[in-house]
């Protein structure tokens, strides 16, 4: 029992003495969204979550999105207008 308490005390001491790391984000890149982009985001948010969790736009490159979007938009059975708006949202939001 002494060893368990001693080990616990050592772990707590090490954790208490370790440097604290905090990251402060001071700058967030804001994009100005057009009406089509805003509607595209709503379509993206409401349709993509049905099959899988929402993916962050920056998780994929423009080249990857060019391959992903056509197939996903067909699966979601989006109209041509909806496809255009989702495309505007995704490609207008990529930070490359």
PDB file of N, CA and C in Angstrom:
ATOM      1  N   UNK A   1       0.827  -1.188   0.000  1.00  0.00           N
ATOM      2  CA  UNK A   1       0.000   0.000   0.000  1.00  0.00           C
ATOM      3  C   UNK A   1       0.873   1.255   0.000  1.00  0.00           C
ATOM      4  N   UNK A   2       2.011   1.204   0.747  1.00  0.00           N
ATOM      5  CA  UNK A   2       2.919   2.347   0.790  1.00  0.00           C
ATOM      6  C   UNK A   2       3.454   2.659  -0.607  1.00  0.00           C
ATOM      7  N   UNK A   3       3.703   1.589  -1.388  1.00  0.00           N
ATOM      8  CA  UNK A   3       4.253   1.781  -2.724  1.00  0.00           C
ATOM      9  C   UNK A   3       3.244   2.443  -3.659  1.00  0.00           C
ATOM     10  N   UNK A   4       2.006   2.096  -3.511  1.00  0.00           N
ATOM     11  CA  UNK A   4       0.956   2.692  -4.347  1.00  0.00           C
ATOM     12  C   UNK A   4       0.816   4.167  -4.024  1.00  0.00           C
ATOM     13  N   UNK A   5       0.766   4.491  -2.737  1.00  0.00           N
ATOM     14  CA  UNK A   5       0.639   5.893  -2.322  1.00  0.00           C
ATOM     15  C   UNK A   5       1.890   6.674  -2.726  1.00  0.00           C
ATOM     16  N   UNK A   6       3.047   6.074  -2.550  1.00  0.00           N
ATOM     17  CA  UNK A   6       4.304   6.732  -2.936  1.00  0.00           C
ATOM     18  C   UNK A   6       4.361   6.975  -4.429  1.00  0.00           C
ATOM     19  N   UNK A   7       3.962   5.978  -5.208  1.00  0.00           N
ATOM     20  CA  UNK A   7       3.957   6.123  -6.665  1.00  0.00           C
ATOM     21  C   UNK A   7       2.984   7.211  -7.101  1.00  0.00           C
ATOM     22  N   UNK A   8       1.834   7.234  -6.465  1.00  0.00           N
ATOM     23  CA  UNK A   8       0.828   8.245  -6.768  1.00  0.00           C
ATOM     24  C   UNK A   8       1.366   9.641  -6.454  1.00  0.00           C
ATOM     25  N   UNK A   9       2.050   9.777  -5.337  1.00  0.00           N
ATOM     26  CA  UNK A   9       2.618  11.071  -4.940  1.00  0.00           C
ATOM     27  C   UNK A   9       3.673  11.523  -5.942  1.00  0.00           C
ATOM     28  N   UNK A  10       4.490  10.588  -6.427  1.00  0.00           N
ATOM     29  CA  UNK A  10       5.529  10.937  -7.407  1.00  0.00           C
ATOM     30  C   UNK A  10       4.888  11.396  -8.711  1.00  0.00           C
ATOM     31  N   UNK A  11       3.871  10.686  -9.173  1.00  0.00           N
ATOM     32  CA  UNK A  11       3.183  11.059 -10.409  1.00  0.00           C
ATOM     33  C   UNK A  11       2.571  12.449 -10.282  1.00  0.00           C
ATOM     34  N   UNK A  12       1.914  12.709  -9.155  1.00  0.00           N
ATOM     35  CA  UNK A  12       1.318  14.032  -8.939  1.00  0.00           C
ATOM     36  C   UNK A  12       2.373  15.128  -8.914  1.00  0.00           C
ATOM     37  N   UNK A  13       3.511  14.855  -8.303  1.00  0.00           N
ATOM     38  CA  UNK A  13       4.592  15.843  -8.225  1.00  0.00           C
ATOM     39  C   UNK A  13       5.132  16.146  -9.623  1.00  0.00           C
ATOM     40  N   UNK A  14       5.347  15.100 -10.404  1.00  0.00           N
ATOM     41  CA  UNK A  14       5.859  15.296 -11.767  1.00  0.00           C
ATOM     42  C   UNK A  14       4.870  16.096 -12.597  1.00  0.00           C
ATOM     43  N   UNK A  15       3.596  15.758 -12.508  1.00  0.00           N
ATOM     44  CA  UNK A  15       2.578  16.486 -13.270  1.00  0.00           C
ATOM     45  C   UNK A  15       2.457  17.935 -12.820  1.00  0.00           C
ATOM     46  N   UNK A  16       2.566  18.159 -11.525  1.00  0.00           N
ATOM     47  CA  UNK A  16       2.444  19.521 -11.002  1.00  0.00           C
ATOM     48  C   UNK A  16       3.627  20.387 -11.413  1.00  0.00           C
ATOM     49  N   UNK A  17       4.792  19.772 -11.566  1.00  0.00           N
ATOM     50  CA  UNK A  17       5.992  20.532 -11.902  1.00  0.00           C
ATOM     51  C   UNK A  17       6.227  20.672 -13.406  1.00  0.00           C
ATOM     52  N   UNK A  18       5.468  19.961 -14.196  1.00  0.00           N
ATOM     53  CA  UNK A  18       5.673  20.043 -15.640  1.00  0.00           C
ATOM     54  C   UNK A  18       5.192  21.395 -16.154  1.00  0.00           C
ATOM     55  N   UNK A  19       5.835  21.887 -17.203  1.00  0.00           N
ATOM     56  CA  UNK A  19       5.439  23.194 -17.735  1.00  0.00           C
ATOM     57  C   UNK A  19       4.022  23.149 -18.307  1.00  0.00           C
ATOM     58  N   UNK A  20       3.337  24.226 -18.129  1.00  0.00           N
ATOM     59  CA  UNK A  20       1.973  24.337 -18.642  1.00  0.00           C
ATOM     60  C   UNK A  20       2.044  24.857 -20.074  1.00  0.00           C
ATOM     61  N   UNK A  21       1.346  24.195 -20.952  1.00  0.00           N
ATOM     62  CA  UNK A  21       1.339  24.597 -22.354  1.00  0.00           C
ATOM     63  C   UNK A  21      -0.064  25.051 -22.705  1.00  0.00           C
ATOM     64  N   UNK A  22      -0.150  26.280 -23.111  1.00  0.00           N
ATOM     65  CA  UNK A  22      -1.429  26.793 -23.581  1.00  0.00           C
ATOM     66  C   UNK A  22      -1.181  27.480 -24.910  1.00  0.00           C
ATOM     67  N   UNK A  23      -2.048  27.240 -25.819  1.00  0.00           N
ATOM     68  CA  UNK A  23      -1.935  27.857 -27.135  1.00  0.00           C
ATOM     69  C   UNK A  23      -3.039  28.886 -27.280  1.00  0.00           C
ATOM     70  N   UNK A  24      -2.646  30.067 -27.643  1.00  0.00           N
ATOM     71  CA  UNK A  24      -3.606  31.134 -27.825  1.00  0.00           C
ATOM     72  C   UNK A  24      -3.671  31.456 -29.309  1.00  0.00           C
ATOM     73  N   UNK A  25      -4.848  31.341 -29.847  1.00  0.00           N
ATOM     74  CA  UNK A  25      -5.036  31.701 -31.249  1.00  0.00           C
ATOM     75  C   UNK A  25      -5.403  33.169 -31.280  1.00  0.00           C
ATOM     76  N   UNK A  26      -4.530  33.926 -31.887  1.00  0.00           N
ATOM     77  CA  UNK A  26      -4.755  35.372 -31.901  1.00  0.00           C
ATOM     78  C   UNK A  26      -5.345  35.863 -33.211  1.00  0.00           C
ATOM     79  N   UNK A  27      -5.195  35.042 -34.234  1.00  0.00           N
ATOM     80  CA  UNK A  27      -5.650  35.491 -35.537  1.00  0.00           C
ATOM     81  C   UNK A  27      -6.456  34.387 -36.207  1.00  0.00           C
ATOM     82  N   UNK A  28      -7.647  34.696 -36.578  1.00  0.00           N
ATOM     83  CA  UNK A  28      -8.501  33.753 -37.280  1.00  0.00           C
ATOM     84  C   UNK A  28      -8.812  34.348 -38.630  1.00  0.00           C
ATOM     85  N   UNK A  29      -8.517  33.556 -39.657  1.00  0.00           N
ATOM     86  CA  UNK A  29      -8.785  34.053 -40.995  1.00  0.00           C
ATOM     87  C   UNK A  29     -10.275  33.943 -41.273  1.00  0.00           C
ATOM     88  N   UNK A  30     -10.890  35.060 -41.489  1.00  0.00           N
ATOM     89  CA  UNK A  30     -12.315  35.106 -41.794  1.00  0.00           C
ATOM     90  C   UNK A  30     -12.476  35.283 -43.295  1.00  0.00           C
ATOM     91  N   UNK A  31     -13.398  34.533 -43.843  1.00  0.00           N
ATOM     92  CA  UNK A  31     -13.699  34.716 -45.247  1.00  0.00           C
ATOM     93  C   UNK A  31     -15.052  35.388 -45.352  1.00  0.00           C
ATOM     94  N   UNK A  32     -15.186  36.195 -46.341  1.00  0.00           N
ATOM     95  CA  UNK A  32     -16.466  36.845 -46.575  1.00  0.00           C
ATOM     96  C   UNK A  32     -17.316  35.899 -47.405  1.00  0.00           C
ATOM     97  N   UNK A  33     -18.430  35.489 -46.835  1.00  0.00           N
ATOM     98  CA  UNK A  33     -19.272  34.504 -47.490  1.00  0.00           C
ATOM     99  C   UNK A  33     -20.312  35.204 -48.360  1.00  0.00           C
ATOM    100  N   UNK A  34     -20.426  34.719 -49.580  1.00  0.00           N
ATOM    101  CA  UNK A  34     -21.472  35.206 -50.473  1.00  0.00           C
ATOM    102  C   UNK A  34     -22.777  34.509 -50.091  1.00  0.00           C
ATOM    103  N   UNK A  35     -23.865  34.930 -50.685  1.00  0.00           N
ATOM    104  CA  UNK A  35     -25.155  34.293 -50.418  1.00  0.00           C
ATOM    105  C   UNK A  35     -25.128  32.828 -50.853  1.00  0.00           C
ATOM    106  N   UNK A  36     -24.503  32.550 -52.002  1.00  0.00           N
ATOM    107  CA  UNK A  36     -24.398  31.165 -52.471  1.00  0.00           C
ATOM    108  C   UNK A  36     -23.571  30.320 -51.508  1.00  0.00           C
ATOM    109  N   UNK A  37     -22.494  30.892 -50.980  1.00  0.00           N
ATOM    110  CA  UNK A  37     -21.655  30.157 -50.035  1.00  0.00           C
ATOM    111  C   UNK A  37     -22.414  29.863 -48.742  1.00  0.00           C
ATOM    112  N   UNK A  38     -23.187  30.834 -48.280  1.00  0.00           N
ATOM    113  CA  UNK A  38     -23.967  30.648 -47.057  1.00  0.00           C
ATOM    114  C   UNK A  38     -25.001  29.541 -47.252  1.00  0.00           C
ATOM    115  N   UNK A  39     -25.686  29.577 -48.379  1.00  0.00           N
ATOM    116  CA  UNK A  39     -26.661  28.518 -48.670  1.00  0.00           C
ATOM    117  C   UNK A  39     -25.948  27.178 -48.879  1.00  0.00           C
ATOM    118  N   UNK A  40     -24.784  27.210 -49.519  1.00  0.00           N
ATOM    119  CA  UNK A  40     -24.003  25.996 -49.727  1.00  0.00           C
ATOM    120  C   UNK A  40     -23.578  25.368 -48.420  1.00  0.00           C
ATOM    121  N   UNK A  41     -23.216  26.208 -47.459  1.00  0.00           N
ATOM    122  CA  UNK A  41     -22.829  25.680 -46.144  1.00  0.00           C
ATOM    123  C   UNK A  41     -24.023  24.991 -45.470  1.00  0.00           C
ATOM    124  N   UNK A  42     -25.183  25.598 -45.566  1.00  0.00           N
ATOM    125  CA  UNK A  42     -26.386  24.999 -44.967  1.00  0.00           C
ATOM    126  C   UNK A  42     -26.693  23.647 -45.622  1.00  0.00           C
ATOM    127  N   UNK A  43     -26.554  23.578 -46.929  1.00  0.00           N
ATOM    128  CA  UNK A  43     -26.783  22.322 -47.653  1.00  0.00           C
ATOM    129  C   UNK A  43     -25.733  21.295 -47.241  1.00  0.00           C
ATOM    130  N   UNK A  44     -24.485  21.716 -47.202  1.00  0.00           N
ATOM    131  CA  UNK A  44     -23.367  20.847 -46.797  1.00  0.00           C
ATOM    132  C   UNK A  44     -23.612  20.304 -45.391  1.00  0.00           C
ATOM    133  N   UNK A  45     -23.926  21.203 -44.463  1.00  0.00           N
ATOM    134  CA  UNK A  45     -24.132  20.803 -43.069  1.00  0.00           C
ATOM    135  C   UNK A  45     -25.307  19.830 -42.926  1.00  0.00           C
ATOM    136  N   UNK A  46     -26.402  20.090 -43.607  1.00  0.00           N
ATOM    137  CA  UNK A  46     -27.593  19.263 -43.414  1.00  0.00           C
ATOM    138  C   UNK A  46     -27.532  17.936 -44.164  1.00  0.00           C
ATOM    139  N   UNK A  47     -26.835  17.873 -45.287  1.00  0.00           N
ATOM    140  CA  UNK A  47     -26.789  16.644 -46.078  1.00  0.00           C
ATOM    141  C   UNK A  47     -25.632  15.724 -45.724  1.00  0.00           C
ATOM    142  N   UNK A  48     -24.476  16.267 -45.472  1.00  0.00           N
ATOM    143  CA  UNK A  48     -23.300  15.432 -45.244  1.00  0.00           C
ATOM    144  C   UNK A  48     -23.370  14.681 -43.917  1.00  0.00           C
ATOM    145  N   UNK A  49     -24.005  15.278 -42.946  1.00  0.00           N
ATOM    146  CA  UNK A  49     -24.084  14.660 -41.630  1.00  0.00           C
ATOM    147  C   UNK A  49     -24.967  13.410 -41.633  1.00  0.00           C
ATOM    148  N   UNK A  50     -25.810  13.251 -42.648  1.00  0.00           N
ATOM    149  CA  UNK A  50     -26.699  12.091 -42.721  1.00  0.00           C
ATOM    150  C   UNK A  50     -25.920  10.780 -42.834  1.00  0.00           C
ATOM    151  N   UNK A  51     -24.819  10.791 -43.574  1.00  0.00           N
ATOM    152  CA  UNK A  51     -24.055   9.559 -43.806  1.00  0.00           C
ATOM    153  C   UNK A  51     -22.797   9.460 -42.945  1.00  0.00           C
ATOM    154  N   UNK A  52     -22.234  10.579 -42.615  1.00  0.00           N
ATOM    155  CA  UNK A  52     -21.002  10.595 -41.805  1.00  0.00           C
ATOM    156  C   UNK A  52     -20.894  11.956 -41.147  1.00  0.00           C
ATOM    157  N   UNK A  53     -20.024  12.086 -40.210  1.00  0.00           N
ATOM    158  CA  UNK A  53     -19.834  13.368 -39.540  1.00  0.00           C
ATOM    159  C   UNK A  53     -19.353  14.425 -40.519  1.00  0.00           C
ATOM    160  N   UNK A  54     -19.595  15.649 -40.173  1.00  0.00           N
ATOM    161  CA  UNK A  54     -19.141  16.744 -41.031  1.00  0.00           C
ATOM    162  C   UNK A  54     -17.623  16.774 -41.077  1.00  0.00           C
ATOM    163  N   UNK A  55     -17.100  16.932 -42.238  1.00  0.00           N
ATOM    164  CA  UNK A  55     -15.655  17.033 -42.424  1.00  0.00           C
ATOM    165  C   UNK A  55     -15.274  18.501 -42.463  1.00  0.00           C
ATOM    166  N   UNK A  56     -14.174  18.840 -41.807  1.00  0.00           N
ATOM    167  CA  UNK A  56     -13.689  20.212 -41.883  1.00  0.00           C
ATOM    168  C   UNK A  56     -13.125  20.432 -43.281  1.00  0.00           C
ATOM    169  N   UNK A  57     -13.432  21.565 -43.836  1.00  0.00           N
ATOM    170  CA  UNK A  57     -13.007  21.878 -45.197  1.00  0.00           C
ATOM    171  C   UNK A  57     -11.488  21.767 -45.319  1.00  0.00           C
ATOM    172  N   UNK A  58     -10.764  22.262 -44.330  1.00  0.00           N
ATOM    173  CA  UNK A  58      -9.301  22.269 -44.407  1.00  0.00           C
ATOM    174  C   UNK A  58      -8.663  20.896 -44.197  1.00  0.00           C
ATOM    175  N   UNK A  59      -9.467  19.873 -43.913  1.00  0.00           N
ATOM    176  CA  UNK A  59      -8.916  18.529 -43.769  1.00  0.00           C
ATOM    177  C   UNK A  59      -8.491  17.945 -45.120  1.00  0.00           C
ATOM    178  N   UNK A  60      -8.950  18.562 -46.202  1.00  0.00           N
ATOM    179  CA  UNK A  60      -8.656  18.058 -47.535  1.00  0.00           C
ATOM    180  C   UNK A  60      -8.173  19.196 -48.427  1.00  0.00           C
ATOM    181  N   UNK A  61      -7.324  18.860 -49.382  1.00  0.00           N
ATOM    182  CA  UNK A  61      -6.828  19.860 -50.327  1.00  0.00           C
ATOM    183  C   UNK A  61      -7.878  20.099 -51.412  1.00  0.00           C
ATOM    184  N   UNK A  62      -7.629  21.114 -52.218  1.00  0.00           N
ATOM    185  CA  UNK A  62      -8.533  21.414 -53.327  1.00  0.00           C
ATOM    186  C   UNK A  62      -8.618  20.217 -54.273  1.00  0.00           C
ATOM    187  N   UNK A  63      -7.475  19.603 -54.556  1.00  0.00           N
ATOM    188  CA  UNK A  63      -7.450  18.439 -55.460  1.00  0.00           C
ATOM    189  C   UNK A  63      -8.275  17.285 -54.881  1.00  0.00           C
ATOM    190  N   UNK A  64      -8.194  17.097 -53.578  1.00  0.00           N
ATOM    191  CA  UNK A  64      -8.975  16.023 -52.950  1.00  0.00           C
ATOM    192  C   UNK A  64     -10.470  16.331 -53.018  1.00  0.00           C
ATOM    193  N   UNK A  65     -10.829  17.596 -52.747  1.00  0.00           N
ATOM    194  CA  UNK A  65     -12.247  17.974 -52.815  1.00  0.00           C
ATOM    195  C   UNK A  65     -12.792  17.804 -54.230  1.00  0.00           C
ATOM    196  N   UNK A  66     -11.962  18.059 -55.242  1.00  0.00           N
ATOM    197  CA  UNK A  66     -12.409  17.902 -56.624  1.00  0.00           C
ATOM    198  C   UNK A  66     -12.802  16.454 -56.916  1.00  0.00           C
ATOM    199  N   UNK A  67     -12.202  15.515 -56.207  1.00  0.00           N
ATOM    200  CA  UNK A  67     -12.545  14.102 -56.365  1.00  0.00           C
ATOM    201  C   UNK A  67     -13.704  13.693 -55.455  1.00  0.00           C
ATOM    202  N   UNK A  68     -13.762  14.273 -54.268  1.00  0.00           N
ATOM    203  CA  UNK A  68     -14.761  13.895 -53.267  1.00  0.00           C
ATOM    204  C   UNK A  68     -16.148  14.439 -53.607  1.00  0.00           C
ATOM    205  N   UNK A  69     -16.218  15.723 -53.917  1.00  0.00           N
ATOM    206  CA  UNK A  69     -17.517  16.386 -54.077  1.00  0.00           C
ATOM    207  C   UNK A  69     -18.449  15.773 -55.113  1.00  0.00           C
ATOM    208  N   UNK A  70     -17.988  15.501 -56.321  1.00  0.00           N
ATOM    209  CA  UNK A  70     -18.943  14.967 -57.308  1.00  0.00           C
ATOM    210  C   UNK A  70     -19.652  13.692 -56.837  1.00  0.00           C
ATOM    211  N   UNK A  71     -18.898  12.780 -56.272  1.00  0.00           N
ATOM    212  CA  UNK A  71     -19.502  11.523 -55.808  1.00  0.00           C
ATOM    213  C   UNK A  71     -20.458  11.759 -54.642  1.00  0.00           C
ATOM    214  N   UNK A  72     -20.054  12.595 -53.707  1.00  0.00           N
ATOM    215  CA  UNK A  72     -20.892  12.842 -52.530  1.00  0.00           C
ATOM    216  C   UNK A  72     -22.160  13.610 -52.900  1.00  0.00           C
ATOM    217  N   UNK A  73     -22.054  14.536 -53.841  1.00  0.00           N
ATOM    218  CA  UNK A  73     -23.228  15.296 -54.245  1.00  0.00           C
ATOM    219  C   UNK A  73     -24.232  14.403 -54.979  1.00  0.00           C
ATOM    220  N   UNK A  74     -23.727  13.439 -55.730  1.00  0.00           N
ATOM    221  CA  UNK A  74     -24.621  12.492 -56.403  1.00  0.00           C
ATOM    222  C   UNK A  74     -25.318  11.615 -55.371  1.00  0.00           C
ATOM    223  N   UNK A  75     -24.562  11.118 -54.386  1.00  0.00           N
ATOM    224  CA  UNK A  75     -25.161  10.276 -53.342  1.00  0.00           C
ATOM    225  C   UNK A  75     -26.238  11.032 -52.574  1.00  0.00           C
ATOM    226  N   UNK A  76     -26.003  12.330 -52.350  1.00  0.00           N
ATOM    227  CA  UNK A  76     -26.957  13.156 -51.606  1.00  0.00           C
ATOM    228  C   UNK A  76     -28.133  13.591 -52.482  1.00  0.00           C
ATOM    229  N   UNK A  77     -28.050  13.289 -53.764  1.00  0.00           N
ATOM    230  CA  UNK A  77     -29.113  13.634 -54.724  1.00  0.00           C
ATOM    231  C   UNK A  77     -29.409  15.138 -54.738  1.00  0.00           C
ATOM    232  N   UNK A  78     -28.331  15.917 -54.801  1.00  0.00           N
ATOM    233  CA  UNK A  78     -28.480  17.374 -54.832  1.00  0.00           C
ATOM    234  C   UNK A  78     -28.866  17.828 -56.233  1.00  0.00           C
ATOM    235  N   UNK A  79     -29.642  18.900 -56.285  1.00  0.00           N
ATOM    236  CA  UNK A  79     -29.984  19.508 -57.575  1.00  0.00           C
ATOM    237  C   UNK A  79     -28.741  20.221 -58.108  1.00  0.00           C
ATOM    238  N   UNK A  80     -28.772  20.601 -59.364  1.00  0.00           N
ATOM    239  CA  UNK A  80     -27.644  21.324 -59.954  1.00  0.00           C
ATOM    240  C   UNK A  80     -27.384  22.636 -59.203  1.00  0.00           C
ATOM    241  N   UNK A  81     -28.449  23.314 -58.811  1.00  0.00           N
ATOM    242  CA  UNK A  81     -28.296  24.572 -58.068  1.00  0.00           C
ATOM    243  C   UNK A  81     -27.654  24.313 -56.712  1.00  0.00           C
ATOM    244  N   UNK A  82     -28.077  23.264 -56.022  1.00  0.00           N
ATOM    245  CA  UNK A  82     -27.489  22.922 -54.728  1.00  0.00           C
ATOM    246  C   UNK A  82     -26.019  22.542 -54.883  1.00  0.00           C
ATOM    247  N   UNK A  83     -25.704  21.792 -55.913  1.00  0.00           N
ATOM    248  CA  UNK A  83     -24.311  21.401 -56.180  1.00  0.00           C
ATOM    249  C   UNK A  83     -23.440  22.637 -56.361  1.00  0.00           C
ATOM    250  N   UNK A  84     -23.950  23.600 -57.133  1.00  0.00           N
ATOM    251  CA  UNK A  84     -23.211  24.832 -57.388  1.00  0.00           C
ATOM    252  C   UNK A  84     -22.931  25.572 -56.073  1.00  0.00           C
ATOM    253  N   UNK A  85     -23.912  25.615 -55.202  1.00  0.00           N
ATOM    254  CA  UNK A  85     -23.761  26.336 -53.936  1.00  0.00           C
ATOM    255  C   UNK A  85     -22.814  25.621 -52.984  1.00  0.00           C
ATOM    256  N   UNK A  86     -22.904  24.306 -52.924  1.00  0.00           N
ATOM    257  CA  UNK A  86     -21.966  23.547 -52.087  1.00  0.00           C
ATOM    258  C   UNK A  86     -20.554  23.718 -52.621  1.00  0.00           C
ATOM    259  N   UNK A  87     -20.404  23.655 -53.923  1.00  0.00           N
ATOM    260  CA  UNK A  87     -19.095  23.856 -54.552  1.00  0.00           C
ATOM    261  C   UNK A  87     -18.549  25.238 -54.190  1.00  0.00           C
ATOM    262  N   UNK A  88     -19.390  26.256 -54.275  1.00  0.00           N
ATOM    263  CA  UNK A  88     -18.963  27.621 -53.936  1.00  0.00           C
ATOM    264  C   UNK A  88     -18.518  27.692 -52.475  1.00  0.00           C
ATOM    265  N   UNK A  89     -19.253  27.053 -51.593  1.00  0.00           N
ATOM    266  CA  UNK A  89     -18.896  27.064 -50.172  1.00  0.00           C
ATOM    267  C   UNK A  89     -17.572  26.358 -49.938  1.00  0.00           C
ATOM    268  N   UNK A  90     -17.437  25.142 -50.437  1.00  0.00           N
ATOM    269  CA  UNK A  90     -16.229  24.355 -50.167  1.00  0.00           C
ATOM    270  C   UNK A  90     -15.000  25.032 -50.761  1.00  0.00           C
ATOM    271  N   UNK A  91     -15.043  25.374 -52.037  1.00  0.00           N
ATOM    272  CA  UNK A  91     -13.861  25.940 -52.683  1.00  0.00           C
ATOM    273  C   UNK A  91     -13.588  27.375 -52.247  1.00  0.00           C
ATOM    274  N   UNK A  92     -14.598  28.068 -51.781  1.00  0.00           N
ATOM    275  CA  UNK A  92     -14.389  29.413 -51.250  1.00  0.00           C
ATOM    276  C   UNK A  92     -13.838  29.411 -49.834  1.00  0.00           C
ATOM    277  N   UNK A  93     -13.887  28.248 -49.180  1.00  0.00           N
ATOM    278  CA  UNK A  93     -13.454  28.132 -47.791  1.00  0.00           C
ATOM    279  C   UNK A  93     -12.083  27.494 -47.624  1.00  0.00           C
ATOM    280  N   UNK A  94     -11.531  26.953 -48.696  1.00  0.00           N
ATOM    281  CA  UNK A  94     -10.235  26.266 -48.599  1.00  0.00           C
ATOM    282  C   UNK A  94      -9.136  27.286 -48.341  1.00  0.00           C
ATOM    283  N   UNK A  95      -8.309  26.995 -47.329  1.00  0.00           N
ATOM    284  CA  UNK A  95      -7.189  27.865 -46.970  1.00  0.00           C
ATOM    285  C   UNK A  95      -5.893  27.243 -47.484  1.00  0.00           C
ATOM    286  N   UNK A  96      -5.593  27.429 -48.749  1.00  0.00           N
ATOM    287  CA  UNK A  96      -4.343  26.884 -49.301  1.00  0.00           C
ATOM    288  C   UNK A  96      -3.380  27.995 -49.583  1.00  0.00           C
TER     289      UNK A  96
END
